[in-house]
N, C-alpha and C. Protein backbone atom coordinates (compact mmCIF):
# COMPACT_ATOMS: atom_id res chain seq x y z
N MET A 1 -128.77 101.00 -6.70
CA MET A 1 -128.58 99.89 -5.78
C MET A 1 -128.33 100.45 -4.39
N THR A 2 -129.02 99.91 -3.43
CA THR A 2 -128.89 100.37 -2.05
C THR A 2 -128.21 99.28 -1.24
N LEU A 3 -127.24 99.71 -0.45
CA LEU A 3 -126.53 98.78 0.42
C LEU A 3 -127.18 98.82 1.79
N THR A 4 -127.60 97.67 2.27
CA THR A 4 -128.16 97.60 3.61
C THR A 4 -127.35 96.61 4.43
N LEU A 5 -127.21 96.92 5.67
CA LEU A 5 -126.45 96.08 6.59
C LEU A 5 -127.41 95.18 7.36
N SER A 6 -126.99 93.97 7.59
CA SER A 6 -127.78 93.06 8.42
C SER A 6 -127.68 93.52 9.86
N ASP A 7 -128.53 92.99 10.70
CA ASP A 7 -128.48 93.32 12.13
C ASP A 7 -127.15 92.93 12.74
N ASP A 8 -126.59 91.79 12.30
CA ASP A 8 -125.29 91.35 12.81
C ASP A 8 -124.19 92.32 12.40
N ASP A 9 -124.23 92.78 11.12
CA ASP A 9 -123.21 93.74 10.66
C ASP A 9 -123.31 95.05 11.42
N ARG A 10 -124.52 95.52 11.63
CA ARG A 10 -124.70 96.78 12.37
C ARG A 10 -124.21 96.64 13.81
N ALA A 11 -124.41 95.50 14.40
CA ALA A 11 -124.02 95.29 15.80
C ALA A 11 -122.51 95.25 15.96
N THR A 12 -121.79 94.77 14.94
CA THR A 12 -120.34 94.64 15.07
C THR A 12 -119.59 95.80 14.45
N ARG A 13 -120.28 96.62 13.68
CA ARG A 13 -119.63 97.76 13.01
C ARG A 13 -119.41 98.87 14.04
N PRO A 14 -118.15 99.36 14.18
CA PRO A 14 -117.90 100.44 15.15
C PRO A 14 -118.49 101.75 14.65
N THR A 15 -119.01 102.51 15.57
CA THR A 15 -119.51 103.85 15.26
C THR A 15 -118.80 104.83 16.16
N ALA A 16 -118.97 106.11 15.86
CA ALA A 16 -118.30 107.13 16.66
C ALA A 16 -118.76 107.08 18.11
N ALA A 17 -120.02 106.73 18.33
CA ALA A 17 -120.54 106.72 19.69
C ALA A 17 -120.28 105.40 20.41
N ALA A 18 -120.04 104.33 19.64
CA ALA A 18 -119.85 103.01 20.25
C ALA A 18 -118.45 102.90 20.85
N PRO A 19 -118.34 102.31 22.02
CA PRO A 19 -117.00 102.12 22.61
C PRO A 19 -116.22 101.08 21.80
N VAL A 20 -114.92 101.20 21.86
CA VAL A 20 -114.05 100.25 21.16
C VAL A 20 -114.13 98.91 21.86
N THR A 21 -114.33 97.87 21.08
CA THR A 21 -114.42 96.54 21.67
C THR A 21 -113.03 96.03 22.02
N GLU A 22 -112.99 95.02 22.83
CA GLU A 22 -111.72 94.41 23.21
C GLU A 22 -110.99 93.85 22.00
N ALA A 23 -111.73 93.24 21.08
CA ALA A 23 -111.11 92.68 19.87
C ALA A 23 -110.49 93.78 19.02
N GLU A 24 -111.18 94.90 18.88
CA GLU A 24 -110.63 96.02 18.10
C GLU A 24 -109.38 96.58 18.77
N ARG A 25 -109.44 96.72 20.08
CA ARG A 25 -108.29 97.24 20.82
C ARG A 25 -107.09 96.30 20.64
N LEU A 26 -107.33 95.00 20.68
CA LEU A 26 -106.26 94.03 20.50
C LEU A 26 -105.70 94.06 19.09
N ARG A 27 -106.57 94.25 18.08
CA ARG A 27 -106.10 94.36 16.69
C ARG A 27 -105.17 95.55 16.53
N VAL A 28 -105.53 96.68 17.12
CA VAL A 28 -104.69 97.87 17.05
C VAL A 28 -103.37 97.62 17.76
N GLN A 29 -103.42 97.00 18.92
CA GLN A 29 -102.21 96.71 19.69
C GLN A 29 -101.29 95.76 18.91
N ILE A 30 -101.84 94.75 18.27
CA ILE A 30 -101.05 93.81 17.48
C ILE A 30 -100.37 94.54 16.32
N ALA A 31 -101.11 95.41 15.64
CA ALA A 31 -100.53 96.17 14.52
C ALA A 31 -99.38 97.06 15.00
N GLN A 32 -99.55 97.68 16.16
CA GLN A 32 -98.50 98.53 16.71
C GLN A 32 -97.26 97.70 17.07
N LEU A 33 -97.47 96.54 17.67
CA LEU A 33 -96.35 95.68 18.04
C LEU A 33 -95.63 95.13 16.80
N GLN A 34 -96.38 94.80 15.76
CA GLN A 34 -95.76 94.33 14.52
C GLN A 34 -94.91 95.43 13.90
N ASP A 35 -95.40 96.65 13.92
CA ASP A 35 -94.64 97.79 13.40
C ASP A 35 -93.36 97.99 14.21
N LYS A 36 -93.48 97.87 15.51
CA LYS A 36 -92.30 98.03 16.38
C LYS A 36 -91.27 96.93 16.12
N LEU A 37 -91.73 95.70 15.98
CA LEU A 37 -90.82 94.57 15.74
C LEU A 37 -90.11 94.67 14.39
N THR A 38 -90.79 95.27 13.41
CA THR A 38 -90.18 95.43 12.09
C THR A 38 -88.91 96.27 12.18
N GLY A 39 -88.91 97.29 13.00
CA GLY A 39 -87.76 98.18 13.11
C GLY A 39 -86.73 97.75 14.13
N LEU A 40 -87.04 96.78 14.96
CA LEU A 40 -86.14 96.40 16.05
C LEU A 40 -84.77 95.92 15.59
N PRO A 41 -84.65 95.06 14.58
CA PRO A 41 -83.31 94.59 14.20
C PRO A 41 -82.37 95.72 13.77
N VAL A 42 -82.86 96.67 12.98
CA VAL A 42 -81.99 97.75 12.53
C VAL A 42 -81.63 98.67 13.70
N ILE A 43 -82.55 98.87 14.62
CA ILE A 43 -82.26 99.69 15.80
C ILE A 43 -81.19 99.03 16.65
N GLU A 44 -81.32 97.72 16.87
CA GLU A 44 -80.31 97.00 17.66
C GLU A 44 -78.95 97.01 16.96
N GLN A 45 -78.96 96.88 15.64
CA GLN A 45 -77.70 96.91 14.89
C GLN A 45 -77.04 98.28 15.02
N ALA A 46 -77.82 99.34 14.88
CA ALA A 46 -77.28 100.69 15.01
C ALA A 46 -76.76 100.94 16.43
N LYS A 47 -77.50 100.46 17.43
CA LYS A 47 -77.04 100.61 18.81
C LYS A 47 -75.69 99.94 18.99
N GLY A 48 -75.55 98.73 18.47
CA GLY A 48 -74.27 98.03 18.59
C GLY A 48 -73.13 98.79 17.92
N MET A 49 -73.39 99.35 16.77
CA MET A 49 -72.37 100.13 16.06
C MET A 49 -71.97 101.36 16.87
N LEU A 50 -72.95 102.06 17.44
CA LEU A 50 -72.67 103.24 18.25
C LEU A 50 -71.94 102.86 19.54
N MET A 51 -72.32 101.73 20.13
CA MET A 51 -71.66 101.28 21.34
C MET A 51 -70.19 100.99 21.06
N GLN A 52 -69.91 100.31 19.96
CA GLN A 52 -68.54 99.98 19.60
C GLN A 52 -67.73 101.24 19.28
N THR A 53 -68.30 102.13 18.50
CA THR A 53 -67.59 103.32 18.05
C THR A 53 -67.32 104.30 19.19
N PHE A 54 -68.34 104.56 20.00
CA PHE A 54 -68.22 105.61 21.01
C PHE A 54 -68.03 105.09 22.42
N GLY A 55 -68.02 103.76 22.60
CA GLY A 55 -67.87 103.20 23.94
C GLY A 55 -69.07 103.48 24.83
N LEU A 56 -70.26 103.45 24.24
CA LEU A 56 -71.48 103.75 24.98
C LEU A 56 -72.12 102.48 25.51
N SER A 57 -72.99 102.66 26.50
CA SER A 57 -73.83 101.55 26.94
C SER A 57 -75.00 101.43 25.96
N GLY A 58 -75.76 100.35 26.06
CA GLY A 58 -76.92 100.19 25.19
C GLY A 58 -77.93 101.31 25.38
N GLU A 59 -78.13 101.70 26.62
CA GLU A 59 -79.08 102.78 26.93
C GLU A 59 -78.59 104.11 26.35
N GLN A 60 -77.30 104.38 26.48
CA GLN A 60 -76.75 105.62 25.94
C GLN A 60 -76.83 105.65 24.41
N ALA A 61 -76.59 104.51 23.79
CA ALA A 61 -76.67 104.43 22.32
C ALA A 61 -78.11 104.69 21.87
N PHE A 62 -79.08 104.11 22.57
CA PHE A 62 -80.47 104.35 22.20
C PHE A 62 -80.83 105.81 22.43
N ASP A 63 -80.34 106.40 23.53
CA ASP A 63 -80.61 107.82 23.79
C ASP A 63 -80.08 108.68 22.65
N LEU A 64 -78.90 108.33 22.12
CA LEU A 64 -78.33 109.07 21.00
C LEU A 64 -79.22 108.95 19.77
N LEU A 65 -79.71 107.74 19.49
CA LEU A 65 -80.63 107.55 18.37
C LEU A 65 -81.92 108.36 18.58
N ARG A 66 -82.40 108.35 19.79
CA ARG A 66 -83.64 109.08 20.12
C ARG A 66 -83.46 110.58 19.93
N VAL A 67 -82.33 111.12 20.40
CA VAL A 67 -82.06 112.55 20.25
C VAL A 67 -81.94 112.92 18.77
N LEU A 68 -81.22 112.11 18.00
CA LEU A 68 -81.11 112.36 16.56
C LEU A 68 -82.49 112.31 15.90
N SER A 69 -83.34 111.41 16.38
CA SER A 69 -84.69 111.30 15.86
C SER A 69 -85.48 112.58 16.13
N GLN A 70 -85.39 113.07 17.34
CA GLN A 70 -86.13 114.27 17.72
C GLN A 70 -85.62 115.50 16.98
N VAL A 71 -84.30 115.63 16.90
CA VAL A 71 -83.70 116.78 16.23
C VAL A 71 -84.03 116.78 14.74
N SER A 72 -84.06 115.60 14.14
CA SER A 72 -84.30 115.46 12.70
C SER A 72 -85.78 115.32 12.36
N ASN A 73 -86.62 115.10 13.38
CA ASN A 73 -88.05 114.92 13.20
C ASN A 73 -88.37 113.71 12.31
N VAL A 74 -87.67 112.62 12.57
CA VAL A 74 -87.93 111.35 11.88
C VAL A 74 -87.99 110.24 12.92
N ARG A 75 -88.49 109.10 12.53
CA ARG A 75 -88.60 107.96 13.45
C ARG A 75 -87.21 107.41 13.81
N VAL A 76 -87.12 106.83 14.99
CA VAL A 76 -85.87 106.22 15.45
C VAL A 76 -85.41 105.15 14.46
N ARG A 77 -86.36 104.40 13.91
CA ARG A 77 -86.03 103.35 12.94
C ARG A 77 -85.31 103.94 11.73
N GLN A 78 -85.73 105.12 11.27
CA GLN A 78 -85.08 105.76 10.13
C GLN A 78 -83.68 106.25 10.50
N VAL A 79 -83.53 106.79 11.70
CA VAL A 79 -82.20 107.20 12.18
C VAL A 79 -81.28 105.99 12.21
N ALA A 80 -81.76 104.89 12.77
CA ALA A 80 -80.96 103.66 12.87
C ALA A 80 -80.56 103.18 11.48
N GLY A 81 -81.49 103.20 10.54
CA GLY A 81 -81.17 102.79 9.17
C GLY A 81 -80.09 103.65 8.55
N CYS A 82 -80.15 104.95 8.83
CA CYS A 82 -79.13 105.86 8.31
C CYS A 82 -77.77 105.57 8.94
N VAL A 83 -77.76 105.33 10.24
CA VAL A 83 -76.50 104.99 10.93
C VAL A 83 -75.89 103.73 10.31
N VAL A 84 -76.70 102.70 10.13
CA VAL A 84 -76.22 101.43 9.57
C VAL A 84 -75.70 101.65 8.15
N GLU A 85 -76.45 102.40 7.34
CA GLU A 85 -76.04 102.64 5.95
C GLU A 85 -74.72 103.39 5.88
N ILE A 86 -74.57 104.45 6.67
CA ILE A 86 -73.34 105.25 6.64
C ILE A 86 -72.18 104.45 7.22
N TRP A 87 -72.43 103.71 8.29
CA TRP A 87 -71.39 102.86 8.88
C TRP A 87 -70.89 101.86 7.85
N THR A 88 -71.83 101.23 7.15
CA THR A 88 -71.48 100.22 6.15
C THR A 88 -70.65 100.83 5.03
N ARG A 89 -71.02 102.03 4.62
CA ARG A 89 -70.33 102.71 3.53
C ARG A 89 -68.98 103.29 3.97
N CYS A 90 -68.92 103.87 5.17
CA CYS A 90 -67.73 104.62 5.60
C CYS A 90 -66.91 103.92 6.68
N GLY A 91 -67.48 102.93 7.35
CA GLY A 91 -66.76 102.24 8.41
C GLY A 91 -66.85 102.95 9.75
N PRO A 92 -66.32 102.32 10.80
CA PRO A 92 -66.38 102.90 12.16
C PRO A 92 -65.50 104.15 12.27
N ARG A 93 -65.79 104.96 13.25
CA ARG A 93 -65.05 106.20 13.49
C ARG A 93 -64.48 106.17 14.91
N PRO A 94 -63.20 105.74 15.06
CA PRO A 94 -62.65 105.56 16.39
C PRO A 94 -62.25 106.84 17.11
N ASP A 95 -61.91 107.93 16.38
CA ASP A 95 -61.49 109.13 17.10
C ASP A 95 -62.64 110.13 17.20
N PHE A 96 -62.53 111.06 18.14
CA PHE A 96 -63.63 111.97 18.45
C PHE A 96 -64.01 112.83 17.25
N ASP A 97 -63.04 113.42 16.57
CA ASP A 97 -63.35 114.29 15.43
C ASP A 97 -64.06 113.52 14.32
N ALA A 98 -63.58 112.33 14.03
CA ALA A 98 -64.21 111.52 13.00
C ALA A 98 -65.60 111.07 13.45
N ALA A 99 -65.75 110.79 14.74
CA ALA A 99 -67.05 110.38 15.27
C ALA A 99 -68.04 111.53 15.17
N THR A 100 -67.58 112.72 15.48
CA THR A 100 -68.44 113.90 15.35
C THR A 100 -68.85 114.10 13.90
N GLU A 101 -67.91 113.94 13.01
CA GLU A 101 -68.20 114.06 11.58
C GLU A 101 -69.23 113.01 11.16
N PHE A 102 -69.10 111.81 11.71
CA PHE A 102 -70.05 110.73 11.42
C PHE A 102 -71.47 111.13 11.82
N LEU A 103 -71.62 111.68 13.03
CA LEU A 103 -72.95 112.07 13.51
C LEU A 103 -73.51 113.23 12.69
N VAL A 104 -72.66 114.15 12.29
CA VAL A 104 -73.12 115.25 11.44
C VAL A 104 -73.59 114.70 10.10
N THR A 105 -72.86 113.74 9.56
CA THR A 105 -73.26 113.11 8.29
C THR A 105 -74.60 112.41 8.45
N VAL A 106 -74.80 111.73 9.56
CA VAL A 106 -76.09 111.06 9.82
C VAL A 106 -77.20 112.12 9.88
N ARG A 107 -76.96 113.18 10.63
CA ARG A 107 -77.99 114.22 10.76
C ARG A 107 -78.32 114.85 9.42
N GLU A 108 -77.31 115.16 8.63
CA GLU A 108 -77.55 115.76 7.31
C GLU A 108 -78.28 114.79 6.39
N GLY A 109 -77.92 113.50 6.46
CA GLY A 109 -78.61 112.50 5.66
C GLY A 109 -80.08 112.41 6.04
N LEU A 110 -80.37 112.51 7.32
CA LEU A 110 -81.76 112.45 7.80
C LEU A 110 -82.53 113.69 7.34
N ARG A 111 -81.89 114.85 7.41
CA ARG A 111 -82.55 116.07 6.96
C ARG A 111 -82.88 115.99 5.47
N ALA A 112 -81.97 115.42 4.70
CA ALA A 112 -82.18 115.32 3.25
C ALA A 112 -83.34 114.38 2.94
N THR A 113 -83.49 113.29 3.70
CA THR A 113 -84.56 112.34 3.40
C THR A 113 -85.88 112.79 3.99
N ALA A 114 -85.85 113.58 5.05
CA ALA A 114 -87.09 114.00 5.71
C ALA A 114 -87.80 115.08 4.90
N GLY A 115 -87.06 115.93 4.22
CA GLY A 115 -87.67 117.01 3.45
C GLY A 115 -88.22 118.06 4.37
N PRO A 116 -88.92 119.05 3.83
CA PRO A 116 -89.40 120.16 4.64
C PRO A 116 -90.50 119.81 5.61
N ALA A 117 -91.28 118.78 5.33
CA ALA A 117 -92.40 118.43 6.21
C ALA A 117 -92.02 117.47 7.32
N GLY A 118 -90.82 116.89 7.29
CA GLY A 118 -90.42 115.91 8.30
C GLY A 118 -90.89 114.53 7.92
N GLY A 119 -90.38 113.51 8.65
CA GLY A 119 -90.69 112.14 8.29
C GLY A 119 -91.54 111.39 9.28
N LYS A 120 -92.09 112.05 10.28
CA LYS A 120 -92.89 111.34 11.28
C LYS A 120 -94.27 111.11 10.83
């Protein structure tokens, strides 16, 4: 059995040489935005927890999540999920030593879940 494409199918099917159409570009952009929105609530929750615990601004809390993400080689959403999970299990850390221990626990938890290849 041979599969043949109609002229309409060939005209709309992307090829390596064909430029990306506006519709295709928009589909990719929508998928990226949906992925971003999926992680937003947990990121905002983690930011709030870090702001309360460490007295940080929203921007500083996100920077902390971003740095942990880069150091651990995992997505910010995964870092945020780990912060929320550990916070929920262990509670807030009001003093500096306990806060430092909290961040070390987050980092170690991320390393354990990322494995040798990383999670990105």
